[in-house]
Protein backbone atom coordinates (compact mmCIF):
# COMPACT_ATOMS: atom_id res chain seq x y z
CA LYS A 1 86.89 169.26 101.13
CA GLN A 2 86.91 165.92 103.17
CA ALA A 3 90.97 166.58 104.13
CA ARG A 4 90.78 169.31 106.09
CA ALA A 5 88.48 167.33 108.95
CA PHE A 6 91.73 164.89 108.76
CA GLY A 7 94.22 167.99 109.09
CA LEU A 8 95.35 166.79 105.36
CA GLY A 9 96.88 169.83 103.37
CA ILE A 10 96.74 169.83 99.65
CA LEU A 11 98.86 171.72 96.96
CA LEU A 12 97.14 172.34 93.78
CA THR A 13 99.00 174.15 91.39
CA THR A 14 98.48 175.42 87.78
CA GLN A 15 98.94 177.72 84.76
CA ASN A 16 95.09 177.62 83.30
CA PRO A 17 92.74 178.42 86.41
CA VAL A 18 89.85 177.41 83.86
CA ASP A 19 90.93 173.87 83.82
CA LEU A 20 90.02 173.80 87.01
CA ASP A 21 86.65 173.29 88.44
CA TYR A 22 85.06 175.96 91.14
CA LYS A 23 84.59 173.92 93.99
CA GLY A 24 88.00 173.21 94.11
CA LEU A 25 89.33 176.78 93.94
CA ALA A 26 86.08 177.32 96.07
CA ASN A 27 87.54 175.03 99.02
CA THR A 28 90.94 176.52 98.74
CA GLY A 29 92.05 178.94 102.07
CA THR A 30 95.09 180.14 100.94
CA TRP A 31 96.13 181.51 97.80
CA PHE A 32 98.97 182.57 95.87
CA ILE A 33 98.01 184.18 92.64
CA GLY A 34 101.14 185.67 89.69
CA ARG A 35 100.59 187.33 86.56
CA LEU A 36 97.89 185.95 84.43
CA GLN A 37 97.59 186.08 80.65
CA THR A 38 93.75 185.85 79.76
CA GLU A 39 90.73 187.38 81.26
CA ARG A 40 89.37 184.31 81.44
CA ASP A 41 91.47 182.83 83.82
CA LYS A 42 91.11 186.12 86.00
CA MET A 43 87.31 185.82 86.11
CA ARG A 44 87.28 182.21 87.07
CA LEU A 45 89.40 183.15 89.55
CA ILE A 46 87.83 186.04 91.28
CA ASP A 47 84.75 183.57 91.43
CA GLY A 48 86.51 180.98 93.00
CA LEU A 49 87.69 183.25 95.52
CA ALA A 50 84.35 184.85 95.64
CA GLY A 51 83.32 181.43 97.08
CA ALA A 52 86.00 180.45 98.98
CA THR A 53 85.36 183.64 101.27
CA ALA A 54 81.65 183.45 101.06
CA ALA A 55 82.18 180.16 102.72
CA GLU A 56 83.87 181.65 105.84
CA GLY A 57 81.34 183.83 106.30
CA ILE A 58 84.01 187.21 105.04
CA LYS A 59 82.95 190.37 103.04
CA PHE A 60 84.93 190.17 99.41
CA ASP A 61 85.18 192.68 97.03
CA ARG A 62 85.54 192.01 93.84
CA LYS A 63 86.40 195.46 91.68
CA THR A 64 89.48 195.72 94.52
CA MET A 65 90.23 192.35 93.69
CA GLU A 66 89.91 192.56 90.28
CA GLN A 67 92.31 195.70 89.86
CA THR A 68 94.83 194.20 92.32
CA ILE A 69 94.97 191.17 90.17
CA SER A 70 95.17 193.10 87.13
CA GLY A 71 98.33 194.88 88.38
CA LEU A 72 100.55 192.28 89.11
CA GLY A 73 103.92 192.57 87.28
CA GLN A 74 106.68 190.07 86.92
CA ARG A 75 107.79 188.07 89.95
CA VAL A 76 105.03 189.79 91.67
CA PHE A 77 102.46 187.47 93.85
CA MET A 78 99.19 188.27 95.75
CA MET A 79 98.55 186.09 98.46
CA ASN A 80 94.98 185.94 99.84
CA ASN A 81 94.29 184.03 102.86
CA VAL A 82 90.50 183.63 103.52
CA HIS A 83 91.38 184.36 107.51
CA LYS A 84 92.65 187.58 107.04
CA ASP A 85 90.68 190.80 106.40
CA THR A 86 93.25 191.84 103.31
CA PRO A 87 95.75 190.51 100.78
CA VAL A 88 99.26 190.60 100.85
CA ILE A 89 101.65 191.43 97.99
CA PHE A 90 104.64 190.30 97.65
CA GLU A 91 108.14 189.58 95.36
CA THR A 92 109.97 186.68 94.67
CA ARG A 93 113.99 186.59 95.37
CA TRP A 94 116.20 187.23 92.11
CA CYS A 95 117.42 183.95 92.65
CA LEU A 96 119.78 183.89 88.83
CA SER A 97 122.94 185.92 88.15
CA TYR A 98 123.51 186.97 84.12
CA LEU A 99 127.30 186.35 83.96
CA ARG A 100 128.21 188.09 80.77
CA GLY A 101 131.83 186.09 80.56
CA PRO A 102 134.90 187.28 81.62
CA LEU A 103 136.35 190.94 81.75
CA THR A 104 137.77 192.11 78.14
CA ARG A 105 141.37 193.70 78.65
CA ASN A 106 139.61 196.93 78.01
CA GLN A 107 136.67 196.96 80.36
CA ILE A 108 139.52 195.96 83.13
CA LYS A 109 141.48 199.17 81.95
CA ASP A 110 138.15 200.98 82.12
CA LEU A 111 137.03 199.82 85.69
CA MET A 112 140.98 200.42 86.72
CA ASP A 113 141.84 203.63 85.28
CA PRO A 114 140.22 205.92 88.19
CA ARG A 115 142.15 203.66 91.08
CA ARG A 116 144.99 203.80 89.11
CA SER A 117 145.19 207.32 88.31
CA SER A 118 144.55 207.79 92.23
CA ILE A 119 147.37 205.89 93.15
CA GLU A 120 149.93 207.19 90.61
CA GLN A 121 149.31 210.80 91.72
CA ALA A 122 149.87 210.05 95.14
CA SER A 123 153.04 207.90 94.46
CA LEU A 124 154.99 209.81 91.22
CA PRO A 125 156.45 213.63 91.50
CA LYS A 126 154.53 216.03 90.04
CA THR A 127 156.45 216.09 86.88
CA PRO A 128 153.83 215.86 84.06
CA GLN A 129 154.86 212.87 81.60
CA GLN A 130 153.08 212.02 77.76
CA SER A 131 152.33 208.78 76.58
CA GLN A 132 151.74 208.19 73.07
CA PRO A 133 148.08 206.33 72.54
CA ILE A 134 148.51 203.35 70.94
CA HIS A 135 145.95 204.18 68.17
CA GLN A 136 148.49 206.53 66.81
CA ALA A 137 150.98 204.27 65.94
CA ALA A 138 151.32 203.31 62.19
CA PRO A 139 150.63 199.45 61.52
CA VAL A 140 153.64 197.64 60.53
CA GLN A 141 155.19 194.13 59.70
CA THR A 142 158.38 193.11 59.90
CA THR A 143 159.69 190.84 57.16
CA LEU A 144 161.98 188.20 58.11
CA PRO A 145 164.29 186.53 56.04
CA GLU A 146 163.72 182.92 55.64
CA ALA A 147 166.12 182.20 57.76
CA GLU A 148 165.05 183.82 60.38
CA SER A 149 161.97 182.49 63.11
CA ALA A 150 158.64 182.63 60.85
CA VAL A 151 156.99 185.41 64.20
CA GLN A 152 158.15 188.59 64.86
CA PRO A 153 157.01 191.08 67.47
CA VAL A 154 155.13 193.71 66.00
CA MET A 155 152.16 195.84 67.69
CA PRO A 156 149.21 196.71 64.59
CA PRO A 157 146.79 199.29 65.24
CA ALA A 158 143.16 199.06 66.48
CA ILE A 159 140.20 198.47 63.81
CA GLU A 160 140.16 202.05 62.91
CA PRO A 161 142.71 203.26 60.39
CA ALA A 162 145.57 205.15 62.00
CA PRO A 163 145.52 208.78 61.30
CA ALA A 164 149.34 209.01 60.30
CA VAL A 165 151.88 206.53 59.19
CA ALA A 166 154.87 205.72 61.26
CA THR A 167 157.88 203.08 61.57
CA ALA A 168 158.71 200.37 64.48
CA PRO A 169 161.72 199.58 65.55
CA GLU A 170 163.10 196.69 63.89
CA SER A 171 163.69 193.21 65.14
CA GLN A 172 165.40 190.40 64.74
CA GLY A 173 167.46 191.95 62.01
CA GLY A 174 164.48 192.37 59.57
CA LYS A 175 163.43 195.28 57.68
CA VAL A 176 160.02 196.99 58.37
CA THR A 177 156.74 196.76 56.15
CA ILE A 178 154.65 199.66 56.23
CA LEU A 179 151.06 198.74 56.32
CA SER A 180 148.29 201.39 54.51
CA PRO A 181 146.25 202.90 57.12
CA SER A 182 142.79 202.08 55.23
CA ILE A 183 143.30 198.66 56.79
CA ASN A 184 141.12 198.33 59.58
CA GLN A 185 142.55 196.05 62.21
CA ALA A 186 141.31 194.41 65.30
CA TYR A 187 142.26 191.90 68.67
CA VAL A 188 139.98 189.35 69.62
CA PRO A 189 140.27 189.06 73.56
CA ILE A 190 141.94 186.37 75.31
CA ARG A 191 140.27 184.59 77.90
CA GLY A 192 141.83 183.65 81.02
CA SER A 193 145.63 184.05 81.65
CA ALA A 194 148.50 182.62 80.37
CA SER A 195 150.51 179.59 82.25
CA PRO A 196 153.96 180.09 82.98
CA GLY A 197 156.50 178.92 79.84
CA GLU A 198 153.32 179.86 77.25
CA THR A 199 153.46 182.60 74.89
CA ILE A 200 150.63 184.92 73.21
CA VAL A 201 150.69 184.14 69.42
CA TYR A 202 148.84 186.67 67.25
CA ARG A 203 147.84 185.11 63.63
CA PRO A 204 146.20 186.97 61.16
CA MET A 205 142.79 186.26 59.56
CA VAL A 206 139.91 187.81 57.99
CA LEU A 207 136.97 189.01 60.01
CA GLY A 208 133.79 189.94 58.47
CA SER A 209 130.56 191.29 60.63
CA ALA A 210 127.01 191.69 58.98
CA GLN A 211 123.78 191.72 59.54
CA VAL A 212 121.11 189.98 57.91
CA ALA A 213 117.40 190.57 57.90
CA PHE A 214 114.86 188.14 56.69
CA ILE A 215 111.68 189.38 55.24
CA ASN A 216 108.73 187.55 54.39
CA ASP A 217 105.69 189.68 54.02
CA ARG A 218 103.24 186.11 53.55
CA ILE A 219 103.72 185.73 57.08
CA ASN A 220 104.28 189.12 58.36
CA LEU A 221 108.22 187.79 59.09
CA ARG A 222 110.95 190.88 60.31
CA LYS A 223 113.43 188.80 61.72
CA SER A 224 117.58 189.91 61.46
CA ARG A 225 120.76 187.60 62.28
CA ASP A 226 124.09 189.51 63.48
CA LEU A 227 127.01 187.43 61.95
CA LEU A 228 130.84 187.80 63.15
CA LEU A 229 132.89 185.23 61.05
CA THR A 230 136.56 184.67 60.59
CA THR A 231 138.61 183.06 58.08
CA PRO A 232 142.24 182.10 57.05
CA VAL A 233 144.16 184.29 54.54
CA THR A 234 146.78 182.46 52.73
CA ASN A 235 149.21 182.91 50.12
CA ASP A 236 147.26 180.91 47.81
CA ILE A 237 145.33 181.63 43.94
CA PHE A 238 142.57 182.05 45.97
CA PRO A 239 144.01 183.54 49.94
CA VAL A 240 139.94 184.08 51.62
CA ASP A 241 137.54 180.95 51.11
CA TRP A 242 134.56 182.17 53.13
CA ASN A 243 133.37 178.37 52.86
CA LYS A 244 135.57 177.86 55.82
CA ALA A 245 134.47 180.61 57.78
CA VAL A 246 133.91 179.91 61.47
CA PRO A 247 131.58 182.54 63.52
CA LEU A 248 133.99 183.97 65.95
CA GLY A 249 131.24 183.76 68.94
CA LEU A 250 131.48 187.19 70.46
CA ALA A 251 129.49 190.37 69.98
CA LEU A 252 131.39 193.32 67.52
CA ASN A 253 131.85 195.73 70.11
CA ASP A 254 134.40 193.16 72.53
CA LEU A 255 137.04 193.25 70.03
CA GLU A 256 140.06 194.83 71.79
CA THR A 257 141.98 197.34 70.20
CA GLY A 258 145.51 196.83 70.89
CA PRO A 259 147.41 193.28 71.52
CA VAL A 260 148.57 192.30 75.09
CA PRO A 261 152.27 192.78 76.28
CA GLY A 262 154.85 190.57 75.43
CA ALA A 263 152.98 189.03 72.42
CA ILE A 264 154.41 187.97 69.09
CA PHE A 265 152.91 188.21 65.58
CA GLU A 266 153.06 185.39 62.94
CA GLU A 267 154.39 186.30 59.69
CA LEU A 268 151.35 188.45 57.79
CA PRO A 269 150.59 186.93 53.94
CA THR A 270 151.40 188.85 51.06
CA PRO A 271 147.77 189.52 50.08
CA ALA A 272 146.43 190.89 53.57
CA SER A 273 148.92 194.02 52.82
CA ASP A 274 147.13 195.08 50.10
CA PRO A 275 144.32 197.19 50.91
CA LYS A 276 142.32 196.62 47.64
CA ASN A 277 142.30 193.02 48.47
CA TYR A 278 139.96 193.61 51.35
CA THR A 279 137.45 195.70 48.86
CA GLY A 280 136.96 192.52 46.89
CA TRP A 281 136.56 190.13 50.05
CA SER A 282 133.82 192.03 51.49
CA ARG A 283 132.11 191.50 48.53
CA GLU A 284 132.49 188.24 48.44
CA PHE A 285 131.71 188.48 51.80
CA VAL A 286 128.33 189.51 50.79
CA ASP A 287 127.65 187.43 47.90
CA TRP A 288 128.47 184.26 50.21
CA ILE A 289 126.63 185.51 53.10
CA TYR A 290 123.60 185.90 49.94
CA ARG A 291 124.39 182.40 48.89
CA ASN A 292 124.22 180.60 52.26
CA GLU A 293 122.68 182.50 55.09
CA MET A 294 118.78 181.24 55.21
CA VAL A 295 116.45 180.45 58.04
CA ASP A 296 114.35 177.03 58.17
CA LEU A 297 110.91 178.18 59.97
CA MET A 298 107.66 176.26 60.66
CA GLN A 299 104.27 177.74 60.56
CA SER A 300 101.07 176.27 62.36
CA SER A 301 98.17 176.73 60.10
CA ARG A 302 95.93 175.84 63.42
CA PHE A 303 97.09 178.81 65.55
CA LYS A 304 98.25 180.91 62.31
CA GLN A 305 101.48 181.25 64.43
CA VAL A 306 104.99 181.09 62.58
CA SER A 307 108.50 179.47 64.69
CA GLU A 308 111.56 182.12 65.46
CA PRO A 309 114.71 181.54 63.48
CA GLY A 310 116.93 178.97 65.71
CA GLU A 311 113.98 178.27 67.48
CA THR A 312 113.50 174.14 67.50
CA GLU A 313 110.26 172.14 66.99
CA ARG A 314 109.83 171.24 70.72
CA ASP A 315 110.10 175.08 72.08
CA PHE A 316 107.50 176.24 69.26
CA ARG A 317 105.16 173.72 69.78
CA VAL A 318 105.64 174.42 74.07
CA ARG A 319 105.01 178.42 72.79
CA LEU A 320 101.82 177.21 71.14
CA GLN A 321 100.28 175.57 74.17
CA GLN A 322 99.44 178.97 75.45
CA ASN A 323 97.30 180.14 72.31
CA ALA A 324 96.04 176.15 72.01
CA ARG A 325 94.66 176.92 75.62
CA GLU A 326 92.89 180.01 75.00
CA GLU A 327 91.51 179.23 71.70
CA ARG A 328 90.41 175.49 73.45
CA ASP A 329 88.43 177.74 76.04
CA LYS A 330 87.28 179.73 73.70
CA GLU A 331 85.81 176.61 71.69
CA LEU A 332 84.91 174.96 74.93
CA ASP A 333 82.72 178.24 75.95
CA LYS A 334 80.63 177.64 72.33
CA LEU A 335 80.40 174.14 73.61
CA ARG A 336 78.73 174.24 76.99
CA LYS A 337 76.32 176.89 75.57
CA LYS A 338 74.99 174.24 72.85
CA TYR A 339 74.61 172.05 75.54
CA SER A 340 73.93 173.57 78.48
CA SER A 341 70.10 174.29 77.49
CA ARG A 342 69.20 170.87 76.25
CA ILE A 343 70.85 169.48 79.93
CA ASN A 344 69.21 171.86 81.70
CA THR A 345 65.47 170.58 79.75
CA LEU A 346 66.49 167.13 80.41
CA GLU A 347 67.50 167.71 83.87
CA ASP A 348 63.77 169.79 84.34
CA ARG A 349 62.12 167.03 82.57
CA ILE A 350 63.98 164.70 85.16
CA ARG A 351 62.70 166.56 88.05
CA ARG A 352 59.13 166.71 87.14
CA SER A 353 59.13 163.17 86.19
CA GLU A 354 60.44 162.13 89.69
CA LEU A 355 57.68 164.26 91.18
CA THR A 356 55.24 162.69 89.56
CA LEU A 357 56.48 159.32 90.23
CA ARG A 358 56.10 159.84 94.12
CA ASN A 359 52.53 161.10 93.29
CA LYS A 360 52.01 157.90 91.24
CA GLU A 361 53.34 156.10 94.52
CA ASP A 362 51.72 157.86 97.01
CA GLN A 363 48.35 157.37 95.63
CA ALA A 364 48.66 153.73 94.95
CA LYS A 365 49.57 153.11 98.42
CA GLN A 366 46.50 155.05 99.26
CA HIS A 367 44.90 153.01 97.34
CA LYS A 368 46.27 149.91 98.93
CA LEU A 369 45.47 151.00 102.46
CA GLN A 370 41.59 152.19 101.44
CA THR A 371 41.13 148.73 99.78
CA ALA A 372 42.44 147.09 102.75
CA PHE A 373 40.32 148.83 105.02
CA SER A 374 37.17 147.91 102.85
CA VAL A 375 37.93 144.56 102.58
CA GLY A 376 38.20 144.45 106.35
CA ALA A 377 35.09 146.19 107.07
CA THR A 378 33.04 143.79 104.96
CA VAL A 379 34.63 140.61 105.84
CA LEU A 380 34.11 142.01 109.91
CA GLY A 381 30.13 143.35 108.92
CA SER A 382 29.15 140.05 107.61
CA PHE A 383 30.32 137.98 110.86
CA LEU A 384 28.86 140.90 113.03
CA GLY A 385 25.85 141.35 111.16
CA LYS A 386 22.48 140.35 111.95
CA SER A 387 21.94 138.65 108.49
CA PRO A 388 24.46 136.92 106.31
CA ILE A 389 23.72 139.39 103.31
CA SER A 390 22.40 143.21 102.85
CA ALA A 391 22.65 146.00 101.47
CA THR A 392 25.49 147.39 103.07
CA THR A 393 27.30 144.38 103.25
CA LEU A 394 27.02 143.99 99.15
CA GLY A 395 28.16 147.85 99.14
CA ARG A 396 31.09 147.58 101.13
CA ALA A 397 32.44 144.30 98.75
CA THR A 398 31.43 146.46 95.64
CA THR A 399 33.53 149.45 97.32
CA ALA A 400 36.30 146.84 98.10
CA ALA A 401 36.29 145.41 94.36
CA ARG A 402 36.70 149.08 92.99
CA GLY A 403 39.24 149.74 94.93
CA ALA A 404 41.37 146.34 94.18
CA GLY A 405 41.00 148.09 90.10
CA ARG A 406 41.96 151.28 91.29
CA ILE A 407 45.14 150.04 92.95
CA SER A 408 46.34 148.18 89.73
CA LYS A 409 45.74 151.57 87.88
CA SER A 410 47.58 153.36 90.27
CA GLN A 411 50.73 150.46 89.97
CA GLU A 412 50.55 150.57 86.48
CA ASP A 413 50.35 154.50 86.36
CA ALA A 414 53.39 154.29 89.11
CA LYS A 415 55.54 151.73 86.66
CA ARG A 416 54.87 153.96 83.36
CA ALA A 417 56.15 156.87 85.56
CA ALA A 418 59.70 155.27 86.53
CA GLU A 419 60.26 153.83 83.04
CA ASN A 420 59.68 157.50 82.16
CA VAL A 421 62.24 158.83 84.81
CA GLU A 422 64.69 156.00 83.45
CA ALA A 423 64.18 156.97 80.27
CA ILE A 424 64.79 160.82 80.57
CA ARG A 425 67.89 160.06 82.62
CA GLN A 426 69.30 157.57 79.84
CA GLN A 427 68.35 160.93 77.79
CA LEU A 428 70.54 162.79 79.70
CA GLN A 429 73.62 160.17 80.15
CA ASP A 430 73.68 159.87 76.44
CA LEU A 431 73.99 163.60 76.05
CA GLU A 432 76.76 163.97 78.37
CA GLU A 433 78.39 161.30 76.79
CA GLU A 434 78.07 163.45 73.69
CA PHE A 435 79.27 166.55 75.27
CA LYS A 436 82.39 164.54 76.23
CA ARG A 437 83.32 163.12 73.11
CA GLU A 438 83.03 166.69 71.31
CA THR A 439 85.23 167.89 74.12
CA ASP A 440 87.32 165.65 73.56
CA LEU A 441 87.81 165.71 70.10
CA LEU A 442 88.39 169.32 70.35
CA SER A 443 91.02 169.17 72.55
CA GLU A 444 92.66 166.74 70.46
CA ALA A 445 92.19 169.12 67.58
CA MET A 446 93.34 172.16 69.78
CA ASN A 447 96.95 169.93 70.76
CA PRO A 448 99.83 171.73 69.17
CA LEU A 449 101.75 168.59 70.24
CA THR A 450 100.10 166.75 67.56
CA GLU A 451 99.84 168.92 64.26
CA GLU A 452 101.66 168.54 61.54
CA LEU A 453 103.67 171.98 60.70
CA GLU A 454 104.67 173.45 57.65
CA GLN A 455 108.26 173.53 57.11
CA PHE A 456 109.56 176.31 54.77
CA THR A 457 112.79 178.22 54.16
CA VAL A 458 113.36 182.64 53.96
CA LYS A 459 116.72 183.45 52.08
CA PRO A 460 118.24 186.94 52.48
CA LEU A 461 117.85 189.76 49.20
CA LYS A 462 121.20 191.42 48.79
CA LYS A 463 119.40 194.90 49.44
CA ASP A 464 118.88 193.30 53.17
CA ILE A 465 122.48 192.37 54.23
CA LEU A 466 124.03 195.13 55.97
CA LEU A 467 127.73 195.05 56.04
CA ARG A 468 129.12 196.32 59.63
CA ALA A 469 132.47 195.78 59.85
CA PHE A 470 135.43 194.30 57.51
CA ALA A 471 139.01 193.93 58.95
CA LEU A 472 142.67 191.98 59.43
CA ALA A 473 142.03 190.36 62.73
CA TRP A 474 144.39 189.27 64.94
CA MET A 475 143.48 185.93 66.59
CA PRO A 476 145.41 184.98 69.81
CA TYR A 477 146.78 181.15 70.54
CA ARG A 478 148.63 179.67 73.77
CA LYS A 479 151.81 178.21 72.89
CA ASN A 480 153.83 175.98 75.16
CA THR A 481 157.22 175.22 75.12
CA ALA A 482 156.54 172.38 72.90
CA GLY A 483 155.86 174.68 70.14
CA LEU A 484 152.08 173.73 70.39
CA ALA A 485 149.72 176.12 70.27
CA GLU A 486 145.99 176.34 70.58
CA PRO A 487 143.20 178.87 70.86
CA ALA A 488 143.37 181.26 73.41
CA TRP A 489 140.01 183.34 73.05
């Protein structure tokens, strides 16, 4: 209010307009109003706008302004300048880009197929050519003698079983082993490109994908979690151990249907070539999820809210703050209504007592002035009169004596009135302090940052575990000239 006289500008920002005093809102000239969550915030803002425009002598259309603010969407703001006739609606620039990650080979193929087709049609002869799709090749695995290398080039099919069985050419002198078409196979996509001298080596593992539902009727919980895990497959007595499983960090539809050109494959363990094993391994996968998967949740008994699966305590408490503000505002309204009538009564008593005090003080001044005139007239008459003592002189002396008594009484009345005003003011101060204490206690009680949260765990039932896919997964590794291999996904 004072800063404008000195050319000082102030920027005030809040997410909760109810916390602001209406005087501060009424002194705001330029407003940027975004999407509001509660009706109370909207009403406080409308009241502030009305006060600001009234101070500038501008007509304010409350109904139109309410409709405009209620219709604001995400990233849409209303700028209202009290020196302009109408508000302006604008949208902020989108400064954030969501990068999903490197494109998979299948996605690159989908993007390049139209362009490649047009180039091939322009450069190649018109003779029709047919190519054999990769998913029609049978899943094969070459078993090499022990003296040969432990890896060999193999071309397993996609995650869907092949419709027919075929053989692949022998390589490195080894014989051909045909895998059952019922064994689903998948290829994990490679990130980046191979450096000079590096070779892509595919290592066999078992892959399981499931959707796990966590249901709790007591807290009205209906959440699900998608799992995509891989674990090694060996020639041991127990070939698959799901306790060694690790999350793949991909979506199921990110898996590819074929290997990269020129890749080689490590030898497939014997248990992985038996289709019957995959049925048992998938059951073990579901059992492992049932025993190990759970969600640790937090509950706020004060606000009757439950955290989301995977939500940290800090994020949960921050989310509770919005509910806390709304609940606090409702309770503060009740508290204000409780104290407002008492405060108004005391303020009215103070006004009446101050008026009485002024009247008493005025009467005391008048009595003092009248008495002074009476005493002066008596003294002057006694000096100027023909006889030292007369009836008039005695009358004036009696009146002066009565005036002195009235002065003393008026002063006592004024003193009592002043004491009454001070007592009522003290009552008002005590009441305001009591209101402040209850407000502080309410704010502390409604603070989600200090509430002790209830911790509990929700485990899934077997019927709530949906097995989405189970396959032999080929995991890509980059192998350099020194023979060291590192994950390539």
